[in-house]
C-alpha atoms as a PDB file:
ATOM      1  CA  UNK A   1      51.818 191.958 122.873  1.00  0.00           C
ATOM      2  CA  UNK A   2      53.886 190.200 120.218  1.00  0.00           C
ATOM      3  CA  UNK A   3      55.795 186.963 120.736  1.00  0.00           C
ATOM      4  CA  UNK A   4      59.619 186.879 120.811  1.00  0.00           C
ATOM      5  CA  UNK A   5      60.042 190.639 120.276  1.00  0.00           C
ATOM      6  CA  UNK A   6      58.483 193.865 121.559  1.00  0.00           C
ATOM      7  CA  UNK A   7      59.019 197.643 121.241  1.00  0.00           C
ATOM      8  CA  UNK A   8      61.922 197.478 123.691  1.00  0.00           C
ATOM      9  CA  UNK A   9      63.888 194.703 121.969  1.00  0.00           C
ATOM     10  CA  UNK A  10      67.438 195.905 121.357  1.00  0.00           C
ATOM     11  CA  UNK A  11      69.342 194.209 118.565  1.00  0.00           C
ATOM     12  CA  UNK A  12      72.932 193.534 117.517  1.00  0.00           C
ATOM     13  CA  UNK A  13      73.569 192.585 113.872  1.00  0.00           C
ATOM     14  CA  UNK A  14      76.335 190.086 113.102  1.00  0.00           C
ATOM     15  CA  UNK A  15      78.047 190.569 109.701  1.00  0.00           C
ATOM     16  CA  UNK A  16      76.482 194.029 109.522  1.00  0.00           C
ATOM     17  CA  UNK A  17      79.035 195.257 106.963  1.00  0.00           C
ATOM     18  CA  UNK A  18      78.190 192.547 104.412  1.00  0.00           C
ATOM     19  CA  UNK A  19      75.699 193.062 101.599  1.00  0.00           C
ATOM     20  CA  UNK A  20      72.823 191.224 103.288  1.00  0.00           C
ATOM     21  CA  UNK A  21      73.668 192.735 106.651  1.00  0.00           C
ATOM     22  CA  UNK A  22      73.530 196.269 105.330  1.00  0.00           C
ATOM     23  CA  UNK A  23      70.334 195.767 103.313  1.00  0.00           C
ATOM     24  CA  UNK A  24      68.473 194.115 106.157  1.00  0.00           C
ATOM     25  CA  UNK A  25      69.783 196.551 108.765  1.00  0.00           C
ATOM     26  CA  UNK A  26      68.256 199.435 106.812  1.00  0.00           C
ATOM     27  CA  UNK A  27      64.967 197.569 106.423  1.00  0.00           C
ATOM     28  CA  UNK A  28      64.862 196.767 110.140  1.00  0.00           C
ATOM     29  CA  UNK A  29      65.623 200.355 111.104  1.00  0.00           C
ATOM     30  CA  UNK A  30      62.849 201.539 108.775  1.00  0.00           C
ATOM     31  CA  UNK A  31      60.508 199.106 110.558  1.00  0.00           C
ATOM     32  CA  UNK A  32      61.277 200.675 113.917  1.00  0.00           C
ATOM     33  CA  UNK A  33      63.702 198.051 115.205  1.00  0.00           C
ATOM     34  CA  UNK A  34      66.097 199.312 117.868  1.00  0.00           C
ATOM     35  CA  UNK A  35      69.481 198.265 116.445  1.00  0.00           C
ATOM     36  CA  UNK A  36      72.213 199.367 118.831  1.00  0.00           C
ATOM     37  CA  UNK A  37      75.371 197.851 117.354  1.00  0.00           C
ATOM     38  CA  UNK A  38      76.895 195.536 114.794  1.00  0.00           C
ATOM     39  CA  UNK A  39      79.812 193.133 114.600  1.00  0.00           C
ATOM     40  CA  UNK A  40      82.161 192.193 111.785  1.00  0.00           C
ATOM     41  CA  UNK A  41      85.640 190.940 112.745  1.00  0.00           C
ATOM     42  CA  UNK A  42      88.285 193.278 111.349  1.00  0.00           C
ATOM     43  CA  UNK A  43      85.794 196.096 110.692  1.00  0.00           C
ATOM     44  CA  UNK A  44      85.624 197.487 114.217  1.00  0.00           C
ATOM     45  CA  UNK A  45      85.487 201.289 114.394  1.00  0.00           C
ATOM     46  CA  UNK A  46      83.347 201.672 111.290  1.00  0.00           C
ATOM     47  CA  UNK A  47      79.681 202.644 111.156  1.00  0.00           C
ATOM     48  CA  UNK A  48      76.805 201.259 109.077  1.00  0.00           C
ATOM     49  CA  UNK A  49      73.840 203.624 108.788  1.00  0.00           C
ATOM     50  CA  UNK A  50      75.003 205.300 111.972  1.00  0.00           C
ATOM     51  CA  UNK A  51      75.285 201.972 113.827  1.00  0.00           C
ATOM     52  CA  UNK A  52      78.702 201.441 115.489  1.00  0.00           C
ATOM     53  CA  UNK A  53      80.588 198.319 114.383  1.00  0.00           C
ATOM     54  CA  UNK A  54      82.782 196.211 116.657  1.00  0.00           C
ATOM     55  CA  UNK A  55      85.130 193.299 116.088  1.00  0.00           C
ATOM     56  CA  UNK A  56      83.569 191.061 118.722  1.00  0.00           C
ATOM     57  CA  UNK A  57      80.193 190.651 120.405  1.00  0.00           C
ATOM     58  CA  UNK A  58      81.848 190.836 123.835  1.00  0.00           C
ATOM     59  CA  UNK A  59      83.354 194.189 122.854  1.00  0.00           C
ATOM     60  CA  UNK A  60      79.967 195.505 121.740  1.00  0.00           C
ATOM     61  CA  UNK A  61      78.446 194.303 125.026  1.00  0.00           C
ATOM     62  CA  UNK A  62      80.820 196.557 126.952  1.00  0.00           C
ATOM     63  CA  UNK A  63      79.263 199.603 125.296  1.00  0.00           C
ATOM     64  CA  UNK A  64      75.671 198.624 124.491  1.00  0.00           C
ATOM     65  CA  UNK A  65      72.801 196.759 126.104  1.00  0.00           C
ATOM     66  CA  UNK A  66      71.100 194.313 123.721  1.00  0.00           C
ATOM     67  CA  UNK A  67      68.914 191.258 124.204  1.00  0.00           C
ATOM     68  CA  UNK A  68      68.658 189.965 120.622  1.00  0.00           C
ATOM     69  CA  UNK A  69      71.114 189.143 117.850  1.00  0.00           C
ATOM     70  CA  UNK A  70      70.445 188.536 114.166  1.00  0.00           C
ATOM     71  CA  UNK A  71      73.196 186.758 112.255  1.00  0.00           C
ATOM     72  CA  UNK A  72      74.022 187.032 108.570  1.00  0.00           C
ATOM     73  CA  UNK A  73      77.349 185.218 108.985  1.00  0.00           C
ATOM     74  CA  UNK A  74      78.242 182.764 106.147  1.00  0.00           C
ATOM     75  CA  UNK A  75      78.026 179.013 106.897  1.00  0.00           C
ATOM     76  CA  UNK A  76      81.702 178.412 107.683  1.00  0.00           C
ATOM     77  CA  UNK A  77      81.730 180.920 110.532  1.00  0.00           C
ATOM     78  CA  UNK A  78      78.118 180.684 111.662  1.00  0.00           C
ATOM     79  CA  UNK A  79      78.601 178.222 114.522  1.00  0.00           C
ATOM     80  CA  UNK A  80      81.358 180.222 116.201  1.00  0.00           C
ATOM     81  CA  UNK A  81      79.439 183.474 115.771  1.00  0.00           C
ATOM     82  CA  UNK A  82      76.331 181.919 117.332  1.00  0.00           C
ATOM     83  CA  UNK A  83      78.264 180.689 120.349  1.00  0.00           C
ATOM     84  CA  UNK A  84      79.798 184.146 120.738  1.00  0.00           C
ATOM     85  CA  UNK A  85      76.328 185.722 120.618  1.00  0.00           C
ATOM     86  CA  UNK A  86      74.813 183.236 123.089  1.00  0.00           C
ATOM     87  CA  UNK A  87      77.701 183.829 125.488  1.00  0.00           C
ATOM     88  CA  UNK A  88      76.611 187.492 125.651  1.00  0.00           C
ATOM     89  CA  UNK A  89      73.486 186.387 127.534  1.00  0.00           C
ATOM     90  CA  UNK A  90      70.912 187.233 124.879  1.00  0.00           C
ATOM     91  CA  UNK A  91      67.335 185.970 124.990  1.00  0.00           C
ATOM     92  CA  UNK A  92      66.823 185.724 121.204  1.00  0.00           C
ATOM     93  CA  UNK A  93      69.102 184.682 118.329  1.00  0.00           C
ATOM     94  CA  UNK A  94      67.771 184.824 114.766  1.00  0.00           C
ATOM     95  CA  UNK A  95      70.041 182.750 112.527  1.00  0.00           C
ATOM     96  CA  UNK A  96      69.371 183.524 108.865  1.00  0.00           C
ATOM     97  CA  UNK A  97      72.316 181.483 107.554  1.00  0.00           C
ATOM     98  CA  UNK A  98      71.498 178.660 105.148  1.00  0.00           C
ATOM     99  CA  UNK A  99      73.514 175.546 104.218  1.00  0.00           C
ATOM    100  CA  UNK A 100      75.235 175.162 107.579  1.00  0.00           C
ATOM    101  CA  UNK A 101      76.765 171.778 108.305  1.00  0.00           C
ATOM    102  CA  UNK A 102      74.210 169.691 110.198  1.00  0.00           C
ATOM    103  CA  UNK A 103      76.680 168.940 112.994  1.00  0.00           C
ATOM    104  CA  UNK A 104      77.181 172.681 113.465  1.00  0.00           C
ATOM    105  CA  UNK A 105      73.406 173.169 113.640  1.00  0.00           C
ATOM    106  CA  UNK A 106      73.059 170.412 116.236  1.00  0.00           C
ATOM    107  CA  UNK A 107      75.751 172.010 118.386  1.00  0.00           C
ATOM    108  CA  UNK A 108      74.267 175.502 118.127  1.00  0.00           C
ATOM    109  CA  UNK A 109      70.753 174.287 118.996  1.00  0.00           C
ATOM    110  CA  UNK A 110      72.095 172.431 122.046  1.00  0.00           C
ATOM    111  CA  UNK A 111      74.226 175.387 123.153  1.00  0.00           C
ATOM    112  CA  UNK A 112      71.323 177.818 122.844  1.00  0.00           C
ATOM    113  CA  UNK A 113      69.026 175.520 124.819  1.00  0.00           C
ATOM    114  CA  UNK A 114      71.605 175.056 127.565  1.00  0.00           C
ATOM    115  CA  UNK A 115      71.981 178.819 127.941  1.00  0.00           C
ATOM    116  CA  UNK A 116      68.316 179.805 127.784  1.00  0.00           C
ATOM    117  CA  UNK A 117      68.515 181.500 124.398  1.00  0.00           C
ATOM    118  CA  UNK A 118      65.626 181.133 121.964  1.00  0.00           C
ATOM    119  CA  UNK A 119      67.163 180.242 118.593  1.00  0.00           C
ATOM    120  CA  UNK A 120      65.044 180.940 115.520  1.00  0.00           C
ATOM    121  CA  UNK A 121      66.543 179.237 112.491  1.00  0.00           C
ATOM    122  CA  UNK A 122      68.827 178.368 110.874  1.00  0.00           C
ATOM    123  CA  UNK A 123      67.965 179.480 107.348  1.00  0.00           C
ATOM    124  CA  UNK A 124      65.009 181.534 108.535  1.00  0.00           C
ATOM    125  CA  UNK A 125      63.310 184.832 107.711  1.00  0.00           C
ATOM    126  CA  UNK A 126      62.898 185.645 111.401  1.00  0.00           C
ATOM    127  CA  UNK A 127      60.059 187.445 113.130  1.00  0.00           C
ATOM    128  CA  UNK A 128      57.990 190.586 112.644  1.00  0.00           C
ATOM    129  CA  UNK A 129      55.501 192.309 114.916  1.00  0.00           C
ATOM    130  CA  UNK A 130      53.745 194.693 112.492  1.00  0.00           C
ATOM    131  CA  UNK A 131      54.139 198.389 113.341  1.00  0.00           C
ATOM    132  CA  UNK A 132      56.296 197.435 116.345  1.00  0.00           C
ATOM    133  CA  UNK A 133      59.581 195.827 115.304  1.00  0.00           C
ATOM    134  CA  UNK A 134      61.134 193.108 113.209  1.00  0.00           C
ATOM    135  CA  UNK A 135      64.219 190.956 113.584  1.00  0.00           C
ATOM    136  CA  UNK A 136      64.416 189.361 110.179  1.00  0.00           C
ATOM    137  CA  UNK A 137      63.628 189.843 106.519  1.00  0.00           C
ATOM    138  CA  UNK A 138      59.825 190.147 106.328  1.00  0.00           C
ATOM    139  CA  UNK A 139      58.737 192.985 103.981  1.00  0.00           C
ATOM    140  CA  UNK A 140      56.931 195.490 106.200  1.00  0.00           C
ATOM    141  CA  UNK A 141      54.442 196.476 103.495  1.00  0.00           C
ATOM    142  CA  UNK A 142      52.881 192.985 103.498  1.00  0.00           C
ATOM    143  CA  UNK A 143      51.738 193.157 107.114  1.00  0.00           C
ATOM    144  CA  UNK A 144      49.439 195.142 109.375  1.00  0.00           C
ATOM    145  CA  UNK A 145      48.754 195.056 113.122  1.00  0.00           C
ATOM    146  CA  UNK A 146      46.050 192.679 114.258  1.00  0.00           C
ATOM    147  CA  UNK A 147      45.202 189.593 116.263  1.00  0.00           C
ATOM    148  CA  UNK A 148      46.317 186.668 114.085  1.00  0.00           C
ATOM    149  CA  UNK A 149      49.554 184.879 114.970  1.00  0.00           C
ATOM    150  CA  UNK A 150      51.355 183.151 112.086  1.00  0.00           C
ATOM    151  CA  UNK A 151      54.070 180.500 112.158  1.00  0.00           C
ATOM    152  CA  UNK A 152      55.608 179.108 108.976  1.00  0.00           C
ATOM    153  CA  UNK A 153      58.603 177.067 107.963  1.00  0.00           C
ATOM    154  CA  UNK A 154      58.838 179.004 104.691  1.00  0.00           C
ATOM    155  CA  UNK A 155      59.644 182.696 104.720  1.00  0.00           C
ATOM    156  CA  UNK A 156      58.088 183.231 101.291  1.00  0.00           C
ATOM    157  CA  UNK A 157      54.865 181.495 102.345  1.00  0.00           C
ATOM    158  CA  UNK A 158      54.657 183.658 105.456  1.00  0.00           C
ATOM    159  CA  UNK A 159      55.021 186.743 103.237  1.00  0.00           C
ATOM    160  CA  UNK A 160      52.282 185.533 100.901  1.00  0.00           C
ATOM    161  CA  UNK A 161      49.803 184.656 103.624  1.00  0.00           C
ATOM    162  CA  UNK A 162      50.554 187.830 105.555  1.00  0.00           C
ATOM    163  CA  UNK A 163      49.856 189.933 102.465  1.00  0.00           C
ATOM    164  CA  UNK A 164      46.723 187.938 101.601  1.00  0.00           C
ATOM    165  CA  UNK A 165      45.359 188.450 105.108  1.00  0.00           C
ATOM    166  CA  UNK A 166      46.338 192.128 105.134  1.00  0.00           C
ATOM    167  CA  UNK A 167      44.661 192.713 101.772  1.00  0.00           C
ATOM    168  CA  UNK A 168      41.499 191.267 103.313  1.00  0.00           C
ATOM    169  CA  UNK A 169      41.775 193.678 106.245  1.00  0.00           C
ATOM    170  CA  UNK A 170      43.041 191.073 108.706  1.00  0.00           C
ATOM    171  CA  UNK A 171      46.075 192.046 110.765  1.00  0.00           C
ATOM    172  CA  UNK A 172      48.712 190.021 112.563  1.00  0.00           C
ATOM    173  CA  UNK A 173      50.041 190.064 116.117  1.00  0.00           C
ATOM    174  CA  UNK A 174      53.320 188.416 115.054  1.00  0.00           C
ATOM    175  CA  UNK A 175      54.646 186.439 112.095  1.00  0.00           C
ATOM    176  CA  UNK A 176      57.463 183.934 112.596  1.00  0.00           C
ATOM    177  CA  UNK A 177      59.250 182.045 109.810  1.00  0.00           C
ATOM    178  CA  UNK A 178      61.387 179.331 111.402  1.00  0.00           C
ATOM    179  CA  UNK A 179      63.300 178.065 108.346  1.00  0.00           C
ATOM    180  CA  UNK A 180      63.168 175.069 106.063  1.00  0.00           C
ATOM    181  CA  UNK A 181      64.983 172.582 108.272  1.00  0.00           C
ATOM    182  CA  UNK A 182      65.624 169.723 108.593  1.00  0.00           C
ATOM    183  CA  UNK A 183      66.641 170.919 112.083  1.00  0.00           C
ATOM    184  CA  UNK A 184      65.187 173.842 113.994  1.00  0.00           C
ATOM    185  CA  UNK A 185      65.765 175.698 117.202  1.00  0.00           C
ATOM    186  CA  UNK A 186      62.348 177.369 117.641  1.00  0.00           C
ATOM    187  CA  UNK A 187      59.681 175.006 116.298  1.00  0.00           C
ATOM    188  CA  UNK A 188      56.092 175.262 115.117  1.00  0.00           C
ATOM    189  CA  UNK A 189      55.034 173.714 118.418  1.00  0.00           C
ATOM    190  CA  UNK A 190      56.974 176.397 120.310  1.00  0.00           C
ATOM    191  CA  UNK A 191      55.254 179.137 118.323  1.00  0.00           C
ATOM    192  CA  UNK A 192      51.815 177.630 118.885  1.00  0.00           C
ATOM    193  CA  UNK A 193      52.513 177.500 122.621  1.00  0.00           C
ATOM    194  CA  UNK A 194      53.561 181.172 122.667  1.00  0.00           C
ATOM    195  CA  UNK A 195      50.517 182.247 120.653  1.00  0.00           C
ATOM    196  CA  UNK A 196      48.210 180.213 122.869  1.00  0.00           C
ATOM    197  CA  UNK A 197      49.483 182.196 125.848  1.00  0.00           C
ATOM    198  CA  UNK A 198      49.497 185.582 124.087  1.00  0.00           C
ATOM    199  CA  UNK A 199      46.498 187.726 125.117  1.00  0.00           C
ATOM    200  CA  UNK A 200      46.717 189.723 121.875  1.00  0.00           C
ATOM    201  CA  UNK A 201      46.435 186.689 119.570  1.00  0.00           C
ATOM    202  CA  UNK A 202      42.923 185.396 118.888  1.00  0.00           C
ATOM    203  CA  UNK A 203      43.593 183.018 115.969  1.00  0.00           C
ATOM    204  CA  UNK A 204      46.688 180.927 115.249  1.00  0.00           C
ATOM    205  CA  UNK A 205      47.718 180.227 111.648  1.00  0.00           C
ATOM    206  CA  UNK A 206      50.078 177.275 111.130  1.00  0.00           C
ATOM    207  CA  UNK A 207      51.671 177.112 107.688  1.00  0.00           C
ATOM    208  CA  UNK A 208      53.311 173.764 107.040  1.00  0.00           C
ATOM    209  CA  UNK A 209      54.825 171.694 104.298  1.00  0.00           C
ATOM    210  CA  UNK A 210      55.776 168.117 103.576  1.00  0.00           C
ATOM    211  CA  UNK A 211      58.715 166.489 105.358  1.00  0.00           C
ATOM    212  CA  UNK A 212      59.582 165.800 108.975  1.00  0.00           C
ATOM    213  CA  UNK A 213      57.174 165.637 111.900  1.00  0.00           C
ATOM    214  CA  UNK A 214      57.087 169.262 113.039  1.00  0.00           C
ATOM    215  CA  UNK A 215      53.421 169.739 112.143  1.00  0.00           C
ATOM    216  CA  UNK A 216      52.455 166.492 113.859  1.00  0.00           C
ATOM    217  CA  UNK A 217      54.300 167.619 117.003  1.00  0.00           C
ATOM    218  CA  UNK A 218      52.429 170.925 116.894  1.00  0.00           C
ATOM    219  CA  UNK A 219      49.158 169.063 116.381  1.00  0.00           C
ATOM    220  CA  UNK A 220      49.766 166.945 119.490  1.00  0.00           C
ATOM    221  CA  UNK A 221      50.311 170.101 121.526  1.00  0.00           C
ATOM    222  CA  UNK A 222      47.218 171.737 120.050  1.00  0.00           C
ATOM    223  CA  UNK A 223      45.090 168.724 120.890  1.00  0.00           C
ATOM    224  CA  UNK A 224      46.293 168.619 124.485  1.00  0.00           C
ATOM    225  CA  UNK A 225      46.590 172.291 125.384  1.00  0.00           C
ATOM    226  CA  UNK A 226      45.208 174.850 122.894  1.00  0.00           C
ATOM    227  CA  UNK A 227      41.703 176.271 123.091  1.00  0.00           C
ATOM    228  CA  UNK A 228      42.203 179.104 120.590  1.00  0.00           C
ATOM    229  CA  UNK A 229      41.163 178.407 116.988  1.00  0.00           C
ATOM    230  CA  UNK A 230      43.941 177.126 114.720  1.00  0.00           C
ATOM    231  CA  UNK A 231      43.792 177.412 110.922  1.00  0.00           C
ATOM    232  CA  UNK A 232      46.376 175.515 108.888  1.00  0.00           C
ATOM    233  CA  UNK A 233      47.573 175.279 105.298  1.00  0.00           C
ATOM    234  CA  UNK A 234      49.913 172.441 104.297  1.00  0.00           C
ATOM    235  CA  UNK A 235      51.720 172.920 100.986  1.00  0.00           C
ATOM    236  CA  UNK A 236      53.319 170.240  98.799  1.00  0.00           C
ATOM    237  CA  UNK A 237      50.337 167.897  98.736  1.00  0.00           C
ATOM    238  CA  UNK A 238      51.187 166.651  95.260  1.00  0.00           C
ATOM    239  CA  UNK A 239      54.976 166.477  95.558  1.00  0.00           C
ATOM    240  CA  UNK A 240      56.288 163.010  94.538  1.00  0.00           C
ATOM    241  CA  UNK A 241      58.082 160.861  97.114  1.00  0.00           C
ATOM    242  CA  UNK A 242      61.806 161.488  97.296  1.00  0.00           C
ATOM    243  CA  UNK A 243      61.591 164.970  95.752  1.00  0.00           C
ATOM    244  CA  UNK A 244      62.418 168.043  97.802  1.00  0.00           C
ATOM    245  CA  UNK A 245      59.965 170.927  97.798  1.00  0.00           C
ATOM    246  CA  UNK A 246      62.889 173.328  97.944  1.00  0.00           C
ATOM    247  CA  UNK A 247      63.750 173.168 101.640  1.00  0.00           C
ATOM    248  CA  UNK A 248      66.149 170.620 103.065  1.00  0.00           C
ATOM    249  CA  UNK A 249      63.422 169.324 105.355  1.00  0.00           C
ATOM    250  CA  UNK A 250      60.641 169.303 102.759  1.00  0.00           C
ATOM    251  CA  UNK A 251      60.977 165.807 101.414  1.00  0.00           C
ATOM    252  CA  UNK A 252      58.718 162.784 101.726  1.00  0.00           C
ATOM    253  CA  UNK A 253      60.162 159.339 102.309  1.00  0.00           C
ATOM    254  CA  UNK A 254      57.713 156.447 102.307  1.00  0.00           C
ATOM    255  CA  UNK A 255      54.743 157.253 104.542  1.00  0.00           C
ATOM    256  CA  UNK A 256      56.678 159.706 106.698  1.00  0.00           C
ATOM    257  CA  UNK A 257      56.180 163.440 106.444  1.00  0.00           C
ATOM    258  CA  UNK A 258      53.365 163.333 103.915  1.00  0.00           C
ATOM    259  CA  UNK A 259      50.783 166.069 103.556  1.00  0.00           C
ATOM    260  CA  UNK A 260      48.085 163.500 104.365  1.00  0.00           C
ATOM    261  CA  UNK A 261      49.598 162.549 107.734  1.00  0.00           C
ATOM    262  CA  UNK A 262      49.998 166.193 108.713  1.00  0.00           C
ATOM    263  CA  UNK A 263      46.474 167.121 107.640  1.00  0.00           C
ATOM    264  CA  UNK A 264      45.045 164.162 109.544  1.00  0.00           C
ATOM    265  CA  UNK A 265      46.971 165.020 112.703  1.00  0.00           C
ATOM    266  CA  UNK A 266      45.908 168.654 112.617  1.00  0.00           C
ATOM    267  CA  UNK A 267      42.301 167.777 111.827  1.00  0.00           C
ATOM    268  CA  UNK A 268      42.223 165.299 114.698  1.00  0.00           C
ATOM    269  CA  UNK A 269      43.573 168.068 116.942  1.00  0.00           C
ATOM    270  CA  UNK A 270      40.635 170.311 116.067  1.00  0.00           C
ATOM    271  CA  UNK A 271      42.402 172.633 113.638  1.00  0.00           C
ATOM    272  CA  UNK A 272      40.689 173.862 110.496  1.00  0.00           C
ATOM    273  CA  UNK A 273      42.834 172.682 107.576  1.00  0.00           C
ATOM    274  CA  UNK A 274      42.340 174.534 104.289  1.00  0.00           C
ATOM    275  CA  UNK A 275      43.645 173.945 100.781  1.00  0.00           C
ATOM    276  CA  UNK A 276      44.385 177.466  99.538  1.00  0.00           C
ATOM    277  CA  UNK A 277      45.283 180.987 100.750  1.00  0.00           C
ATOM    278  CA  UNK A 278      41.810 182.183  99.781  1.00  0.00           C
ATOM    279  CA  UNK A 279      40.178 179.494 101.889  1.00  0.00           C
ATOM    280  CA  UNK A 280      42.543 180.342 104.736  1.00  0.00           C
ATOM    281  CA  UNK A 281      41.396 183.969 104.710  1.00  0.00           C
ATOM    282  CA  UNK A 282      37.755 182.895 104.849  1.00  0.00           C
ATOM    283  CA  UNK A 283      38.424 180.488 107.723  1.00  0.00           C
ATOM    284  CA  UNK A 284      40.348 183.097 109.714  1.00  0.00           C
ATOM    285  CA  UNK A 285      37.680 185.689 109.027  1.00  0.00           C
ATOM    286  CA  UNK A 286      35.017 183.317 110.325  1.00  0.00           C
ATOM    287  CA  UNK A 287      36.941 182.679 113.539  1.00  0.00           C
ATOM    288  CA  UNK A 288      37.603 186.365 114.121  1.00  0.00           C
ATOM    289  CA  UNK A 289      33.948 187.192 113.582  1.00  0.00           C
ATOM    290  CA  UNK A 290      33.183 185.042 116.606  1.00  0.00           C
ATOM    291  CA  UNK A 291      35.536 187.291 118.581  1.00  0.00           C
ATOM    292  CA  UNK A 292      34.042 190.475 117.138  1.00  0.00           C
ATOM    293  CA  UNK A 293      36.854 191.776 114.921  1.00  0.00           C
ATOM    294  CA  UNK A 294      40.085 191.374 112.920  1.00  0.00           C
END
């Protein structure tokens, strides 16, 4: 069992007629994702790769049953499109849009929470369950089915670690990239909680970076509730104070959000914290060997 998605997840794509929407729709279809419809205002009546396009989510809902939406809508229209999607009663919204106004992000996160929708993002690569489905941008060839659950802020880092594990013969139950922040809907703590409850995940991999307190929040949950092994890699250890690592949330200010504070919190929580992808593979392999497989 994967987290967030499964073989029966049915997806609507917002901004399906745009360049990113079309590219990612094809990739998701190739991965086995059940995409039932798309929405682009003013483009209703068209088709993209055989997928019917509607002007509004409510219109699509009249003709198709879907429980997840992935949005490629540009920043200016992202908030309204998210509210429209949430109003359709979906359980999952993957918001890939970057550079949204922070006030818009705050409102979307609050609206999703109030309506029981899990919001992954903004600015995220989404989620993949290898050989099952994906709602996002993860390259399928980097992943293989297995029993390691990965959560990362960075999409690129989740790709790299997924491929490194796969090359070592270690598969993944799910891989979630939540976005670079500084605000998130679905958090690292949320992912850890889901993986801790997932019977098909034996080892949890938490990929973090400097900035914010997300890793510390996850560490507190791990310490109090998680009995499964957790292996973590924190990147940006040598980034100077005041310099962004590339994500809006990846910036150290004073003694807040440093690699050292995150490493200490995770270590205190019982996680194995490593310093490189190679060391991460060895640590995961050691934990899986205790379970009798990868």
